[in-house]
């Protein structure tokens, strides 16, 4: 496995916020980081793909998967060094694996191995019960149920416990806080 795809650094609790596009992951990761006075890791793929779109009118290609994974992990590892108690990750390698299979029908073995080796102390899967918001990159509003099922299947097949966060933002935030509060007393 490539070294740049390995989780390193920090003795904090890592929390993954994953799910289909336009389900509030970024909003939730930011709010949780503010609530627990710590760091959050932005979704690297978003900025990477937005640049591709803006500069070349190009969408994510197979060759982009490993650079995106390396960028995500580099950001996560860097912020793990300065986070307090928790590090909230707006997506992780697991999400990239799910989308690789959705868009390409396959996934680079290095990415799958790195994803399998990664660990999060809490995993939040965002539900599709919020309105779709279109932008330059979001392209599958009609497939939200399918994509949500792919995430659940991925997590279940690997025996990764997760909490499904549903309802309006405030309710999701309270659900997440209730899951995380016991960690503060460990």
N, C-alpha and C. Protein backbone atom coordinates (compact mmCIF):
# COMPACT_ATOMS: atom_id res chain seq x y z
N UNK A 1 0.85 -1.17 0.00
CA UNK A 1 0.00 0.00 0.00
C UNK A 1 0.89 1.24 0.00
N UNK A 2 0.53 2.22 -0.80
CA UNK A 2 1.31 3.44 -0.85
C UNK A 2 1.26 4.17 0.48
N UNK A 3 2.43 4.67 0.89
CA UNK A 3 2.52 5.34 2.17
C UNK A 3 1.58 6.55 2.25
N UNK A 4 1.40 7.25 1.14
CA UNK A 4 0.57 8.45 1.17
C UNK A 4 -0.92 8.15 1.27
N UNK A 5 -1.31 6.89 1.31
CA UNK A 5 -2.71 6.52 1.50
C UNK A 5 -2.97 5.94 2.89
N UNK A 6 -2.00 6.02 3.76
CA UNK A 6 -2.11 5.45 5.10
C UNK A 6 -2.45 6.51 6.14
N UNK A 7 -3.35 6.19 7.05
CA UNK A 7 -3.65 7.10 8.15
C UNK A 7 -2.45 7.16 9.09
N UNK A 8 -2.06 8.38 9.46
CA UNK A 8 -0.97 8.58 10.41
C UNK A 8 -1.32 9.74 11.32
N UNK A 9 -0.56 9.84 12.40
CA UNK A 9 -0.58 11.03 13.25
C UNK A 9 -1.81 11.20 14.11
N UNK A 10 -1.57 11.87 15.21
CA UNK A 10 -2.66 12.26 16.09
C UNK A 10 -3.24 11.11 16.88
N UNK A 11 -3.48 11.37 18.14
CA UNK A 11 -4.12 10.39 19.01
C UNK A 11 -5.51 10.90 19.36
N UNK A 12 -6.25 11.18 18.35
CA UNK A 12 -7.61 11.70 18.53
C UNK A 12 -8.60 10.69 17.95
N UNK A 13 -9.85 10.93 18.19
CA UNK A 13 -10.90 10.09 17.63
C UNK A 13 -11.27 10.63 16.25
N UNK A 14 -11.15 9.78 15.26
CA UNK A 14 -11.52 10.17 13.90
C UNK A 14 -12.98 9.82 13.66
N UNK A 15 -13.70 10.75 13.07
CA UNK A 15 -15.12 10.57 12.78
C UNK A 15 -15.34 10.79 11.29
N UNK A 16 -15.88 9.79 10.61
CA UNK A 16 -16.17 9.89 9.18
C UNK A 16 -17.63 10.28 8.98
N UNK A 17 -17.84 11.27 8.14
CA UNK A 17 -19.18 11.69 7.73
C UNK A 17 -19.26 11.38 6.24
N UNK A 18 -20.04 10.36 5.90
CA UNK A 18 -20.10 9.89 4.52
C UNK A 18 -21.55 9.79 4.07
N UNK A 19 -21.74 9.67 2.76
CA UNK A 19 -23.07 9.50 2.22
C UNK A 19 -23.18 10.04 0.82
N UNK A 20 -24.35 9.87 0.22
CA UNK A 20 -24.57 10.37 -1.14
C UNK A 20 -24.38 11.88 -1.22
N UNK A 21 -24.19 12.35 -2.45
CA UNK A 21 -24.01 13.78 -2.64
C UNK A 21 -25.27 14.55 -2.24
N UNK A 22 -25.04 15.78 -1.80
CA UNK A 22 -26.12 16.69 -1.41
C UNK A 22 -26.96 16.16 -0.25
N UNK A 23 -26.28 15.60 0.76
CA UNK A 23 -27.00 15.12 1.94
C UNK A 23 -26.52 15.80 3.23
N UNK A 24 -25.78 16.89 3.11
CA UNK A 24 -25.41 17.68 4.28
C UNK A 24 -24.13 17.27 4.99
N UNK A 25 -23.25 16.53 4.33
CA UNK A 25 -22.02 16.07 4.98
C UNK A 25 -21.13 17.24 5.41
N UNK A 26 -20.89 18.16 4.52
CA UNK A 26 -20.01 19.29 4.83
C UNK A 26 -20.59 20.14 5.94
N UNK A 27 -21.86 20.45 5.85
CA UNK A 27 -22.53 21.25 6.88
C UNK A 27 -22.41 20.57 8.24
N UNK A 28 -22.61 19.27 8.26
CA UNK A 28 -22.54 18.52 9.52
C UNK A 28 -21.12 18.46 10.07
N UNK A 29 -20.14 18.17 9.21
CA UNK A 29 -18.74 18.10 9.67
C UNK A 29 -18.29 19.44 10.24
N UNK A 30 -18.64 20.52 9.57
CA UNK A 30 -18.29 21.86 10.07
C UNK A 30 -18.96 22.15 11.41
N UNK A 31 -20.24 21.84 11.51
CA UNK A 31 -20.98 22.11 12.75
C UNK A 31 -20.45 21.28 13.91
N UNK A 32 -20.11 20.03 13.66
CA UNK A 32 -19.56 19.18 14.73
C UNK A 32 -18.19 19.68 15.17
N UNK A 33 -17.37 20.10 14.23
CA UNK A 33 -16.06 20.64 14.59
C UNK A 33 -16.21 21.90 15.44
N UNK A 34 -17.15 22.72 15.07
CA UNK A 34 -17.39 23.94 15.87
C UNK A 34 -17.92 23.56 17.26
N UNK A 35 -18.85 22.65 17.31
CA UNK A 35 -19.45 22.23 18.58
C UNK A 35 -18.40 21.64 19.54
N UNK A 36 -17.46 20.86 19.00
CA UNK A 36 -16.45 20.21 19.83
C UNK A 36 -15.10 20.92 19.79
N UNK A 37 -15.09 22.13 19.24
CA UNK A 37 -13.90 23.00 19.22
C UNK A 37 -12.68 22.26 18.69
N UNK A 38 -12.80 21.78 17.47
CA UNK A 38 -11.72 21.01 16.87
C UNK A 38 -11.66 21.25 15.37
N UNK A 39 -10.95 20.40 14.68
CA UNK A 39 -10.72 20.51 13.24
C UNK A 39 -11.70 19.64 12.46
N UNK A 40 -11.91 20.02 11.21
CA UNK A 40 -12.65 19.17 10.28
C UNK A 40 -11.88 19.13 8.97
N UNK A 41 -11.98 18.01 8.27
CA UNK A 41 -11.26 17.80 7.02
C UNK A 41 -12.24 17.99 5.87
N UNK A 42 -12.04 19.02 5.05
CA UNK A 42 -12.91 19.19 3.88
C UNK A 42 -12.75 18.03 2.90
N UNK A 43 -13.76 17.84 2.09
CA UNK A 43 -13.72 16.80 1.06
C UNK A 43 -12.76 17.22 -0.04
N UNK A 44 -11.64 16.53 -0.13
CA UNK A 44 -10.62 16.87 -1.12
C UNK A 44 -11.14 16.70 -2.55
N UNK A 45 -11.93 15.67 -2.77
CA UNK A 45 -12.43 15.38 -4.11
C UNK A 45 -13.23 16.56 -4.67
N UNK A 46 -13.95 17.27 -3.83
CA UNK A 46 -14.79 18.36 -4.30
C UNK A 46 -13.95 19.45 -4.95
N UNK A 47 -12.93 19.92 -4.25
CA UNK A 47 -12.06 20.96 -4.79
C UNK A 47 -11.32 20.49 -6.02
N UNK A 48 -10.84 19.27 -5.98
CA UNK A 48 -10.10 18.68 -7.10
C UNK A 48 -10.98 18.63 -8.34
N UNK A 49 -12.18 18.10 -8.18
CA UNK A 49 -13.09 17.95 -9.32
C UNK A 49 -13.64 19.30 -9.80
N UNK A 50 -13.84 20.23 -8.88
CA UNK A 50 -14.30 21.56 -9.29
C UNK A 50 -13.25 22.23 -10.17
N UNK A 51 -11.98 22.06 -9.81
CA UNK A 51 -10.89 22.63 -10.62
C UNK A 51 -10.88 21.98 -12.01
N UNK A 52 -11.03 20.65 -12.07
CA UNK A 52 -11.11 19.96 -13.35
C UNK A 52 -12.23 20.53 -14.21
N UNK A 53 -13.37 20.74 -13.58
CA UNK A 53 -14.54 21.25 -14.31
C UNK A 53 -14.30 22.68 -14.78
N UNK A 54 -13.82 23.52 -13.87
CA UNK A 54 -13.62 24.93 -14.21
C UNK A 54 -12.57 25.13 -15.30
N UNK A 55 -11.50 24.35 -15.24
CA UNK A 55 -10.38 24.56 -16.17
C UNK A 55 -10.52 23.77 -17.47
N UNK A 56 -11.14 22.58 -17.41
CA UNK A 56 -11.17 21.73 -18.59
C UNK A 56 -12.57 21.24 -18.97
N UNK A 57 -13.58 21.63 -18.21
CA UNK A 57 -14.93 21.10 -18.39
C UNK A 57 -14.89 19.57 -18.39
N UNK A 58 -14.06 19.04 -17.50
CA UNK A 58 -13.82 17.61 -17.38
C UNK A 58 -14.37 17.12 -16.05
N UNK A 59 -14.90 15.91 -16.04
CA UNK A 59 -15.33 15.30 -14.78
C UNK A 59 -14.23 14.35 -14.31
N UNK A 60 -14.39 13.81 -13.14
CA UNK A 60 -13.39 12.91 -12.56
C UNK A 60 -13.14 11.72 -13.49
N UNK A 61 -11.86 11.41 -13.65
CA UNK A 61 -11.45 10.29 -14.49
C UNK A 61 -10.80 9.23 -13.60
N UNK A 62 -10.67 8.03 -14.15
CA UNK A 62 -10.03 6.93 -13.43
C UNK A 62 -8.67 7.36 -12.89
N UNK A 63 -7.89 8.05 -13.71
CA UNK A 63 -6.53 8.46 -13.32
C UNK A 63 -6.54 9.45 -12.17
N UNK A 64 -7.68 10.04 -11.87
CA UNK A 64 -7.77 11.01 -10.78
C UNK A 64 -8.00 10.35 -9.41
N UNK A 65 -8.41 9.09 -9.40
CA UNK A 65 -8.81 8.46 -8.13
C UNK A 65 -7.67 8.41 -7.11
N UNK A 66 -6.50 7.95 -7.50
CA UNK A 66 -5.40 7.85 -6.53
C UNK A 66 -4.89 9.23 -6.09
N UNK A 67 -4.75 10.21 -6.98
CA UNK A 67 -4.38 11.55 -6.49
C UNK A 67 -5.42 12.14 -5.53
N UNK A 68 -6.69 11.89 -5.80
CA UNK A 68 -7.74 12.36 -4.88
C UNK A 68 -7.60 11.66 -3.53
N UNK A 69 -7.40 10.35 -3.55
CA UNK A 69 -7.24 9.60 -2.30
C UNK A 69 -6.04 10.11 -1.52
N UNK A 70 -4.92 10.34 -2.21
CA UNK A 70 -3.71 10.83 -1.54
C UNK A 70 -3.95 12.22 -0.95
N UNK A 71 -4.65 13.07 -1.68
CA UNK A 71 -4.95 14.41 -1.16
C UNK A 71 -5.85 14.37 0.06
N UNK A 72 -6.86 13.49 0.02
CA UNK A 72 -7.76 13.35 1.16
C UNK A 72 -6.98 12.88 2.39
N UNK A 73 -6.15 11.86 2.21
CA UNK A 73 -5.41 11.31 3.34
C UNK A 73 -4.37 12.30 3.85
N UNK A 74 -3.72 13.02 2.97
CA UNK A 74 -2.75 14.02 3.40
C UNK A 74 -3.42 15.09 4.25
N UNK A 75 -4.59 15.56 3.83
CA UNK A 75 -5.33 16.56 4.61
C UNK A 75 -5.74 15.99 5.96
N UNK A 76 -6.25 14.76 5.95
CA UNK A 76 -6.70 14.13 7.19
C UNK A 76 -5.53 13.96 8.16
N UNK A 77 -4.41 13.47 7.67
CA UNK A 77 -3.25 13.24 8.55
C UNK A 77 -2.68 14.55 9.09
N UNK A 78 -2.66 15.58 8.27
CA UNK A 78 -2.14 16.88 8.71
C UNK A 78 -3.02 17.46 9.82
N UNK A 79 -4.33 17.41 9.62
CA UNK A 79 -5.24 17.97 10.62
C UNK A 79 -5.34 17.11 11.87
N UNK A 80 -5.04 15.82 11.75
CA UNK A 80 -5.04 14.95 12.94
C UNK A 80 -3.99 15.40 13.95
N UNK A 81 -2.96 16.07 13.48
CA UNK A 81 -1.89 16.54 14.37
C UNK A 81 -2.33 17.70 15.25
N UNK A 82 -3.31 18.47 14.82
CA UNK A 82 -3.72 19.66 15.58
C UNK A 82 -5.14 19.55 16.15
N UNK A 83 -5.86 18.50 15.82
CA UNK A 83 -7.23 18.34 16.31
C UNK A 83 -7.25 18.07 17.81
N UNK A 84 -8.36 18.43 18.42
CA UNK A 84 -8.57 18.19 19.85
C UNK A 84 -9.72 17.21 20.03
N UNK A 85 -9.49 16.11 20.67
CA UNK A 85 -10.50 15.07 20.96
C UNK A 85 -11.02 14.37 19.71
N UNK A 86 -11.53 15.12 18.74
CA UNK A 86 -12.11 14.54 17.54
C UNK A 86 -11.52 15.19 16.30
N UNK A 87 -11.53 14.45 15.21
CA UNK A 87 -11.25 15.00 13.88
C UNK A 87 -12.43 14.57 13.01
N UNK A 88 -13.17 15.54 12.50
CA UNK A 88 -14.35 15.25 11.69
C UNK A 88 -13.96 15.27 10.22
N UNK A 89 -14.17 14.15 9.56
CA UNK A 89 -13.74 13.98 8.17
C UNK A 89 -14.96 14.03 7.24
N UNK A 90 -15.02 15.08 6.45
CA UNK A 90 -16.06 15.22 5.44
C UNK A 90 -15.68 14.30 4.29
N UNK A 91 -16.12 13.07 4.39
CA UNK A 91 -15.82 11.92 3.54
C UNK A 91 -14.50 11.29 3.93
N UNK A 92 -14.23 10.14 3.33
CA UNK A 92 -13.00 9.41 3.59
C UNK A 92 -12.77 8.47 2.41
N UNK A 93 -11.78 7.64 2.50
CA UNK A 93 -11.47 6.74 1.38
C UNK A 93 -12.61 5.77 1.08
N UNK A 94 -13.39 5.43 2.09
CA UNK A 94 -14.53 4.52 1.85
C UNK A 94 -15.48 5.13 0.82
N UNK A 95 -15.71 6.44 0.95
CA UNK A 95 -16.61 7.11 0.02
C UNK A 95 -16.04 7.07 -1.39
N UNK A 96 -14.75 7.28 -1.50
CA UNK A 96 -14.12 7.26 -2.81
C UNK A 96 -14.23 5.86 -3.45
N UNK A 97 -14.12 4.82 -2.66
CA UNK A 97 -14.29 3.46 -3.18
C UNK A 97 -15.71 3.27 -3.71
N UNK A 98 -16.70 3.70 -2.94
CA UNK A 98 -18.09 3.55 -3.38
C UNK A 98 -18.31 4.28 -4.70
N UNK A 99 -17.80 5.50 -4.80
CA UNK A 99 -17.99 6.25 -6.04
C UNK A 99 -17.16 5.69 -7.19
N UNK A 100 -16.01 5.10 -6.92
CA UNK A 100 -15.24 4.46 -7.99
C UNK A 100 -16.06 3.35 -8.62
N UNK A 101 -16.69 2.53 -7.80
CA UNK A 101 -17.52 1.45 -8.34
C UNK A 101 -18.76 1.99 -9.04
N UNK A 102 -19.34 3.04 -8.50
CA UNK A 102 -20.54 3.62 -9.12
C UNK A 102 -20.22 4.17 -10.51
N UNK A 103 -19.14 4.91 -10.63
CA UNK A 103 -18.83 5.59 -11.89
C UNK A 103 -18.00 4.75 -12.86
N UNK A 104 -17.13 3.90 -12.34
CA UNK A 104 -16.20 3.17 -13.21
C UNK A 104 -16.40 1.65 -13.20
N UNK A 105 -17.22 1.15 -12.26
CA UNK A 105 -17.43 -0.28 -12.17
C UNK A 105 -16.26 -1.04 -11.58
N UNK A 106 -15.27 -0.31 -11.07
CA UNK A 106 -14.06 -0.91 -10.52
C UNK A 106 -13.39 0.11 -9.62
N UNK A 107 -12.34 -0.34 -8.93
CA UNK A 107 -11.61 0.54 -8.03
C UNK A 107 -10.14 0.14 -8.03
N UNK A 108 -9.22 1.11 -8.03
CA UNK A 108 -7.80 0.74 -7.97
C UNK A 108 -7.51 -0.08 -6.71
N UNK A 109 -6.78 -1.18 -6.84
CA UNK A 109 -6.49 -2.04 -5.68
C UNK A 109 -5.82 -1.28 -4.54
N UNK A 110 -4.94 -0.33 -4.86
CA UNK A 110 -4.27 0.45 -3.80
C UNK A 110 -5.27 1.23 -2.98
N UNK A 111 -6.29 1.78 -3.65
CA UNK A 111 -7.33 2.54 -2.96
C UNK A 111 -8.16 1.61 -2.08
N UNK A 112 -8.54 0.46 -2.61
CA UNK A 112 -9.33 -0.49 -1.81
C UNK A 112 -8.55 -0.96 -0.59
N UNK A 113 -7.27 -1.23 -0.75
CA UNK A 113 -6.45 -1.69 0.37
C UNK A 113 -6.32 -0.59 1.43
N UNK A 114 -6.09 0.63 0.99
CA UNK A 114 -5.97 1.74 1.94
C UNK A 114 -7.28 1.98 2.66
N UNK A 115 -8.39 1.90 1.94
CA UNK A 115 -9.70 2.08 2.57
C UNK A 115 -9.95 0.98 3.60
N UNK A 116 -9.61 -0.26 3.26
CA UNK A 116 -9.81 -1.37 4.18
C UNK A 116 -8.96 -1.23 5.44
N UNK A 117 -7.82 -0.58 5.32
CA UNK A 117 -6.92 -0.42 6.46
C UNK A 117 -7.25 0.81 7.31
N UNK A 118 -8.12 1.67 6.83
CA UNK A 118 -8.42 2.88 7.59
C UNK A 118 -9.42 2.58 8.70
N UNK A 119 -9.37 3.43 9.73
CA UNK A 119 -10.22 3.23 10.91
C UNK A 119 -10.83 4.56 11.35
N UNK A 120 -12.09 4.50 11.74
CA UNK A 120 -12.79 5.67 12.30
C UNK A 120 -13.51 5.20 13.55
N UNK A 121 -13.46 6.04 14.57
CA UNK A 121 -14.08 5.69 15.85
C UNK A 121 -15.59 5.82 15.82
N UNK A 122 -16.07 6.66 14.93
CA UNK A 122 -17.51 6.81 14.70
C UNK A 122 -17.71 7.09 13.23
N UNK A 123 -18.80 6.54 12.70
CA UNK A 123 -19.12 6.72 11.28
C UNK A 123 -20.57 7.18 11.20
N UNK A 124 -20.76 8.31 10.53
CA UNK A 124 -22.10 8.84 10.31
C UNK A 124 -22.42 8.76 8.83
N UNK A 125 -23.51 8.09 8.50
CA UNK A 125 -24.01 8.00 7.13
C UNK A 125 -25.18 8.96 7.03
N UNK A 126 -25.09 9.93 6.14
CA UNK A 126 -26.15 10.92 6.00
C UNK A 126 -27.25 10.39 5.08
N UNK A 127 -28.47 10.55 5.53
CA UNK A 127 -29.64 10.04 4.83
C UNK A 127 -30.01 10.99 3.67
N UNK A 128 -30.84 10.49 2.77
CA UNK A 128 -31.24 11.25 1.58
C UNK A 128 -32.54 12.01 1.80
N UNK A 129 -32.95 12.19 3.04
CA UNK A 129 -34.22 12.83 3.33
C UNK A 129 -34.12 14.36 3.41
N UNK A 130 -33.17 14.94 2.72
CA UNK A 130 -33.03 16.39 2.62
C UNK A 130 -33.12 16.77 1.15
N UNK A 131 -33.49 18.01 0.86
CA UNK A 131 -33.64 18.41 -0.55
C UNK A 131 -32.32 18.35 -1.32
N UNK A 132 -32.42 17.94 -2.56
CA UNK A 132 -31.29 17.93 -3.49
C UNK A 132 -30.95 19.38 -3.84
N UNK A 133 -29.67 19.71 -3.85
CA UNK A 133 -29.21 21.02 -4.28
C UNK A 133 -28.22 20.79 -5.42
N UNK A 134 -28.57 21.26 -6.60
CA UNK A 134 -27.72 21.05 -7.78
C UNK A 134 -26.51 21.99 -7.76
N UNK A 135 -25.42 21.55 -8.36
CA UNK A 135 -24.25 22.40 -8.60
C UNK A 135 -23.49 21.81 -9.80
N UNK A 136 -22.31 22.33 -10.08
CA UNK A 136 -21.54 21.88 -11.25
C UNK A 136 -21.19 20.40 -11.20
N UNK A 137 -21.03 19.84 -10.01
CA UNK A 137 -20.50 18.49 -9.88
C UNK A 137 -21.55 17.42 -9.58
N UNK A 138 -22.61 17.80 -8.96
CA UNK A 138 -23.63 16.81 -8.57
C UNK A 138 -24.43 16.42 -9.81
N UNK A 139 -24.56 15.10 -10.03
CA UNK A 139 -25.14 14.69 -11.30
C UNK A 139 -26.13 13.52 -11.23
N UNK A 140 -26.47 13.07 -10.06
CA UNK A 140 -27.34 11.89 -10.01
C UNK A 140 -28.49 12.04 -9.02
N UNK A 141 -29.30 13.07 -9.16
CA UNK A 141 -30.39 13.24 -8.19
C UNK A 141 -31.40 12.09 -8.23
N UNK A 142 -31.56 11.47 -9.40
CA UNK A 142 -32.52 10.38 -9.55
C UNK A 142 -32.02 9.06 -8.97
N UNK A 143 -30.74 9.01 -8.57
CA UNK A 143 -30.15 7.76 -8.07
C UNK A 143 -29.81 7.82 -6.59
N UNK A 144 -30.41 8.72 -5.86
CA UNK A 144 -30.05 8.88 -4.45
C UNK A 144 -30.28 7.61 -3.64
N UNK A 145 -31.41 6.95 -3.87
CA UNK A 145 -31.69 5.71 -3.12
C UNK A 145 -30.66 4.64 -3.45
N UNK A 146 -30.32 4.51 -4.72
CA UNK A 146 -29.32 3.52 -5.14
C UNK A 146 -27.98 3.81 -4.49
N UNK A 147 -27.54 5.07 -4.50
CA UNK A 147 -26.25 5.44 -3.93
C UNK A 147 -26.25 5.22 -2.42
N UNK A 148 -27.33 5.57 -1.78
CA UNK A 148 -27.45 5.35 -0.34
C UNK A 148 -27.34 3.86 -0.02
N UNK A 149 -27.98 3.03 -0.83
CA UNK A 149 -27.90 1.57 -0.63
C UNK A 149 -26.47 1.08 -0.84
N UNK A 150 -25.74 1.66 -1.79
CA UNK A 150 -24.34 1.27 -2.00
C UNK A 150 -23.49 1.55 -0.77
N UNK A 151 -23.73 2.69 -0.14
CA UNK A 151 -23.00 3.02 1.09
C UNK A 151 -23.33 2.04 2.21
N UNK A 152 -24.61 1.79 2.42
CA UNK A 152 -25.01 0.85 3.48
C UNK A 152 -24.41 -0.52 3.22
N UNK A 153 -24.47 -0.97 1.97
CA UNK A 153 -23.92 -2.27 1.61
C UNK A 153 -22.41 -2.33 1.87
N UNK A 154 -21.69 -1.29 1.47
CA UNK A 154 -20.24 -1.24 1.69
C UNK A 154 -19.92 -1.37 3.18
N UNK A 155 -20.59 -0.58 4.00
CA UNK A 155 -20.34 -0.60 5.45
C UNK A 155 -20.74 -1.94 6.07
N UNK A 156 -21.89 -2.44 5.68
CA UNK A 156 -22.36 -3.71 6.25
C UNK A 156 -21.48 -4.90 5.86
N UNK A 157 -21.04 -4.95 4.60
CA UNK A 157 -20.19 -6.06 4.15
C UNK A 157 -18.86 -6.08 4.89
N UNK A 158 -18.42 -4.93 5.36
CA UNK A 158 -17.13 -4.85 6.07
C UNK A 158 -17.32 -4.79 7.59
N UNK A 159 -18.54 -4.99 8.04
CA UNK A 159 -18.87 -4.96 9.47
C UNK A 159 -18.42 -3.66 10.13
N UNK A 160 -18.64 -2.56 9.46
CA UNK A 160 -18.30 -1.25 10.00
C UNK A 160 -19.57 -0.67 10.62
N UNK A 161 -19.57 -0.50 11.93
CA UNK A 161 -20.75 0.09 12.56
C UNK A 161 -20.92 1.54 12.14
N UNK A 162 -22.16 1.95 11.94
CA UNK A 162 -22.42 3.34 11.56
C UNK A 162 -23.75 3.78 12.13
N UNK A 163 -23.92 5.08 12.18
CA UNK A 163 -25.17 5.69 12.61
C UNK A 163 -25.76 6.42 11.42
N UNK A 164 -26.99 6.09 11.05
CA UNK A 164 -27.68 6.79 9.98
C UNK A 164 -28.27 8.07 10.56
N UNK A 165 -27.87 9.20 10.00
CA UNK A 165 -28.37 10.50 10.47
C UNK A 165 -29.45 10.97 9.52
N UNK A 166 -30.66 11.15 10.07
CA UNK A 166 -31.81 11.55 9.28
C UNK A 166 -32.42 12.82 9.86
N UNK A 167 -33.31 13.41 9.08
CA UNK A 167 -34.05 14.57 9.55
C UNK A 167 -33.32 15.87 9.24
N UNK A 168 -33.90 16.97 9.74
CA UNK A 168 -33.29 18.28 9.50
C UNK A 168 -31.93 18.40 10.19
N UNK A 169 -31.16 19.38 9.77
CA UNK A 169 -29.79 19.55 10.25
C UNK A 169 -29.70 19.54 11.78
N UNK A 170 -30.53 20.27 12.46
CA UNK A 170 -30.47 20.33 13.92
C UNK A 170 -30.67 18.97 14.56
N UNK A 171 -31.57 18.19 14.01
CA UNK A 171 -31.80 16.83 14.53
C UNK A 171 -30.58 15.94 14.28
N UNK A 172 -30.00 16.04 13.10
CA UNK A 172 -28.81 15.26 12.78
C UNK A 172 -27.66 15.62 13.71
N UNK A 173 -27.51 16.89 13.95
CA UNK A 173 -26.45 17.36 14.84
C UNK A 173 -26.62 16.78 16.25
N UNK A 174 -27.84 16.80 16.76
CA UNK A 174 -28.10 16.24 18.10
C UNK A 174 -27.86 14.73 18.11
N UNK A 175 -28.27 14.02 17.05
CA UNK A 175 -28.02 12.58 16.96
C UNK A 175 -26.51 12.31 17.04
N UNK A 176 -25.74 13.05 16.28
CA UNK A 176 -24.29 12.86 16.25
C UNK A 176 -23.68 13.19 17.61
N UNK A 177 -24.09 14.28 18.21
CA UNK A 177 -23.56 14.66 19.52
C UNK A 177 -23.81 13.57 20.55
N UNK A 178 -24.99 12.96 20.50
CA UNK A 178 -25.31 11.90 21.46
C UNK A 178 -24.41 10.68 21.27
N UNK A 179 -24.04 10.39 20.04
CA UNK A 179 -23.12 9.28 19.79
C UNK A 179 -21.72 9.61 20.30
N UNK A 180 -21.32 10.86 20.15
CA UNK A 180 -19.94 11.26 20.47
C UNK A 180 -19.68 11.59 21.94
N UNK A 181 -20.68 12.01 22.67
CA UNK A 181 -20.47 12.43 24.06
C UNK A 181 -19.79 11.36 24.93
N UNK A 182 -20.13 10.09 24.81
CA UNK A 182 -19.44 9.09 25.64
C UNK A 182 -17.93 9.03 25.41
N UNK A 183 -17.48 9.37 24.20
CA UNK A 183 -16.05 9.36 23.92
C UNK A 183 -15.30 10.40 24.76
N UNK A 184 -16.00 11.45 25.16
CA UNK A 184 -15.34 12.50 25.93
C UNK A 184 -14.98 12.04 27.33
N UNK A 185 -15.59 10.95 27.77
CA UNK A 185 -15.34 10.45 29.14
C UNK A 185 -14.44 9.22 29.16
N UNK A 186 -13.94 8.82 27.99
CA UNK A 186 -13.02 7.67 27.92
C UNK A 186 -11.66 8.03 28.46
